[in-house]
Amino acid sequence: HSPKILINRINLQSFVRKKIFRCKSINVYEPELKLEGAEILQQDSALVVDRLFYELQPLFKDQLKSVAIDEINFVNANYKIYTSSANLKQISNAENISVVIRKFRTDSTLIFDKARFFNSDDILIEMNNFKNDLGDSLHILNIDTLEYSLKTANISAFGFHLNYLIKDSTRNLYDVFVPKVVLKSKSLV
């Protein structure tokens, strides 16, 4: 399965003459990330990011001065982690996760900075059709879209619906619908 990638409004003149890549948006539809080996879960995520940007550094030395993208969208991304390529036992997965990076910017100075490889106004992580059976075995929570902002640490739930699984007149049951719920916090941790 190959993801579909759409790039909108590239400024070719700026790219060819000044080595500056600018565009309105990049949309990557249904990207899949399959990782093998349990050691991946134990690695420091900062080291993984370091390795990725180390691979990009030659590009910024020779081909680019800067990159400015108004919005990068990873739509309905899926990831799966397996124990090994020989034993395809799945350890972890997430499906239909969307990530939006607003006002992505990097340049030849930032890409070599160990503290921060790029700037952005915000990064949003969205999950559609979130469902969770509650511990009381009576209710289910359905959320049309669950969104987390890395900038504000706010969690927003659009189409929040708490309702009962089976109607039982002998129990206290709830059926609650709220169009939008926002939980504000300084940190998720």
Protein backbone atom coordinates (compact mmCIF):
# COMPACT_ATOMS: atom_id res chain seq x y z
CA HIS A 1 0.00 0.00 0.00
CA SER A 2 1.46 3.34 -1.04
CA PRO A 3 0.17 6.56 0.48
CA LYS A 4 -1.29 9.25 -1.73
CA ILE A 5 0.64 12.53 -1.51
CA LEU A 6 -0.69 15.90 -2.67
CA ILE A 7 1.45 19.04 -2.69
CA ASN A 8 -0.44 22.31 -3.19
CA ARG A 9 0.90 25.63 -4.51
CA ILE A 10 4.65 25.10 -4.74
CA ASN A 11 6.61 28.29 -5.33
CA LEU A 12 8.92 26.95 -8.07
CA GLN A 13 10.64 30.27 -8.70
CA SER A 14 11.77 30.51 -5.08
CA PHE A 15 12.86 26.87 -5.11
CA VAL A 16 14.94 27.07 -8.30
CA ARG A 17 16.49 30.50 -7.75
CA LYS A 18 16.91 30.70 -3.98
CA LYS A 19 16.82 27.03 -2.86
CA ILE A 20 13.80 27.84 -0.69
CA PHE A 21 10.96 25.31 -0.73
CA ARG A 22 7.58 26.96 -0.07
CA CYS A 23 4.12 25.53 -0.49
CA LYS A 24 0.59 25.91 0.83
CA SER A 25 0.18 22.32 2.00
CA ILE A 26 1.38 18.76 1.81
CA ASN A 27 -1.24 16.07 2.40
CA VAL A 28 -0.18 12.47 2.92
CA TYR A 29 -3.17 10.11 2.88
CA GLU A 30 -3.13 6.78 4.71
CA PRO A 31 0.59 6.46 5.41
CA GLU A 32 1.58 3.17 7.03
CA LEU A 33 4.52 2.70 9.32
CA LYS A 34 5.52 -0.89 10.08
CA LEU A 35 8.38 -1.36 12.54
CA GLU A 36 9.98 -4.66 13.51
CA GLY A 37 11.75 -5.62 16.70
CA ALA A 38 10.77 -5.19 20.34
CA GLU A 39 13.91 -3.07 20.91
CA ILE A 40 12.21 -0.25 18.99
CA LEU A 41 9.86 0.28 21.94
CA GLN A 42 12.82 0.55 24.29
CA GLN A 43 14.81 3.07 22.24
CA ASP A 44 14.95 6.72 23.22
CA SER A 45 12.57 8.57 20.85
CA ALA A 46 15.04 11.49 20.72
CA LEU A 47 17.66 9.14 19.23
CA VAL A 48 15.22 8.01 16.55
CA VAL A 49 14.49 11.65 15.63
CA ASP A 50 18.23 12.44 15.67
CA ARG A 51 18.83 9.64 13.20
CA LEU A 52 16.06 10.88 10.90
CA PHE A 53 17.35 14.45 10.81
CA TYR A 54 20.94 13.24 10.44
CA GLU A 55 19.79 11.63 7.18
CA LEU A 56 18.27 14.96 6.05
CA GLN A 57 21.34 17.09 6.79
CA PRO A 58 23.13 16.48 3.46
CA LEU A 59 20.04 17.73 1.65
CA PHE A 60 20.28 21.06 3.51
CA LYS A 61 24.01 21.32 2.90
CA ASP A 62 23.69 20.95 -0.87
CA GLN A 63 20.13 21.48 -2.09
CA LEU A 64 18.04 23.63 0.26
CA LYS A 65 18.34 26.76 2.37
CA SER A 66 14.92 26.63 3.98
CA VAL A 67 11.49 25.01 3.95
CA ALA A 68 8.19 26.76 4.73
CA ILE A 69 4.91 24.83 4.53
CA ASP A 70 1.65 26.36 5.75
CA GLU A 71 0.20 22.99 6.70
CA ILE A 72 1.34 19.37 6.63
CA ASN A 73 -1.41 16.77 7.05
CA PHE A 74 -0.90 13.07 7.67
CA VAL A 75 -4.46 11.81 7.15
CA ASN A 76 -5.59 8.44 8.54
CA ALA A 77 -2.09 7.27 9.39
CA ASN A 78 -1.61 3.73 10.70
CA TYR A 79 1.33 2.30 12.55
CA LYS A 80 2.07 -1.25 13.64
CA ILE A 81 4.99 -2.61 15.63
CA TYR A 82 5.91 -6.29 15.34
CA THR A 83 8.24 -8.41 17.48
CA SER A 84 10.44 -9.33 14.49
CA SER A 85 10.30 -9.93 10.75
CA ALA A 86 10.38 -13.71 11.38
CA ASN A 87 7.66 -13.64 14.05
CA LEU A 88 4.97 -11.20 12.92
CA LYS A 89 3.32 -10.96 16.34
CA GLN A 90 1.92 -7.44 16.67
CA ILE A 91 3.03 -5.59 19.80
CA SER A 92 1.26 -2.27 19.27
CA ASN A 93 -0.81 -0.39 16.74
CA ALA A 94 -2.84 2.74 16.13
CA GLU A 95 -5.18 3.33 13.23
CA ASN A 96 -6.80 6.37 11.63
CA ILE A 97 -4.58 8.85 13.43
CA SER A 98 -4.23 12.22 11.75
CA VAL A 99 -1.44 14.67 12.47
CA VAL A 100 -1.57 18.32 11.40
CA ILE A 101 1.54 20.50 11.55
CA ARG A 102 0.67 24.18 11.18
CA LYS A 103 3.22 26.66 9.80
CA PHE A 104 6.12 24.19 9.49
CA ARG A 105 9.46 25.97 9.07
CA THR A 106 13.05 24.82 9.04
CA ASP A 107 16.29 26.03 7.53
CA SER A 108 19.95 25.11 7.25
CA THR A 109 20.58 26.52 10.74
CA LEU A 110 17.72 24.73 12.52
CA ILE A 111 18.27 21.35 10.86
CA PHE A 112 21.69 21.12 12.58
CA ASP A 113 20.37 22.30 15.97
CA LYS A 114 20.20 19.39 18.43
CA ALA A 115 17.47 21.06 20.52
CA ARG A 116 14.95 21.80 17.77
CA PHE A 117 14.94 20.74 14.12
CA PHE A 118 11.95 22.79 13.02
CA ASN A 119 9.46 25.42 14.16
CA SER A 120 5.70 25.26 13.92
CA ASP A 121 2.71 27.18 15.25
CA ASP A 122 1.10 23.97 16.52
CA ILE A 123 0.96 20.22 16.03
CA LEU A 124 -2.45 18.59 16.38
CA ILE A 125 -3.02 14.88 16.79
CA GLU A 126 -6.51 13.72 15.83
CA MET A 127 -8.26 10.41 16.21
CA ASN A 128 -11.60 9.79 14.51
CA ASN A 129 -14.33 7.44 15.70
CA PHE A 130 -12.87 6.94 19.18
CA LYS A 131 -14.74 4.27 21.15
CA ASN A 132 -14.20 3.03 24.67
CA ASP A 133 -16.25 0.56 26.70
CA LEU A 134 -16.34 1.91 30.24
CA GLY A 135 -15.32 -0.19 33.23
CA ASP A 136 -18.89 -0.41 34.52
CA SER A 137 -19.81 -2.75 31.59
CA LEU A 138 -22.95 -0.65 31.15
CA HIS A 139 -21.79 2.33 29.12
CA ILE A 140 -19.78 3.14 26.02
CA LEU A 141 -18.06 6.39 25.14
CA ASN A 142 -18.10 7.44 21.46
CA ILE A 143 -16.28 10.54 20.22
CA ASP A 144 -16.45 11.60 16.58
CA THR A 145 -13.07 13.39 16.71
CA LEU A 146 -10.59 13.51 19.58
CA GLU A 147 -7.91 16.17 19.16
CA TYR A 148 -4.77 16.97 21.17
CA SER A 149 -2.74 20.18 20.71
CA LEU A 150 0.96 19.93 21.52
CA LYS A 151 1.16 23.72 21.84
CA THR A 152 -1.64 24.22 24.37
CA ALA A 153 -1.87 20.63 25.74
CA ASN A 154 -5.65 20.96 25.33
CA ILE A 155 -7.76 17.94 24.52
CA SER A 156 -10.88 18.60 22.45
CA ALA A 157 -13.65 16.08 21.87
CA PHE A 158 -16.12 16.77 19.05
CA GLY A 159 -19.33 14.73 19.11
CA PHE A 160 -18.89 13.40 22.69
CA HIS A 161 -21.55 10.75 23.30
CA LEU A 162 -21.78 8.68 26.49
CA ASN A 163 -24.58 6.14 26.32
CA TYR A 164 -25.64 2.76 27.67
CA LEU A 165 -24.93 -0.55 25.99
CA ILE A 166 -28.17 -2.31 26.97
CA LYS A 167 -31.27 -0.68 28.41
CA ASP A 168 -31.76 -2.00 31.95
CA SER A 169 -34.43 -0.32 34.09
CA THR A 170 -32.90 -1.67 37.31
CA ARG A 171 -29.66 0.32 36.83
CA ASN A 172 -28.78 4.01 36.62
CA LEU A 173 -28.03 4.57 32.95
CA TYR A 174 -26.82 7.68 31.18
CA ASP A 175 -27.25 8.99 27.66
CA VAL A 176 -25.31 12.23 27.27
CA PHE A 177 -24.38 14.07 24.07
CA VAL A 178 -22.15 17.16 24.05
CA PRO A 179 -21.17 18.72 20.67
CA LYS A 180 -17.76 19.93 21.92
CA VAL A 181 -15.78 19.34 25.10
CA VAL A 182 -12.42 21.04 25.75
CA LEU A 183 -10.12 19.96 28.56
CA LYS A 184 -7.50 22.62 29.27
CA SER A 185 -4.27 21.69 30.97
CA LYS A 186 -0.66 22.78 31.19
CA SER A 187 0.60 19.29 30.42
CA LEU A 188 -0.82 15.89 29.58
CA VAL A 189 1.52 14.25 32.08
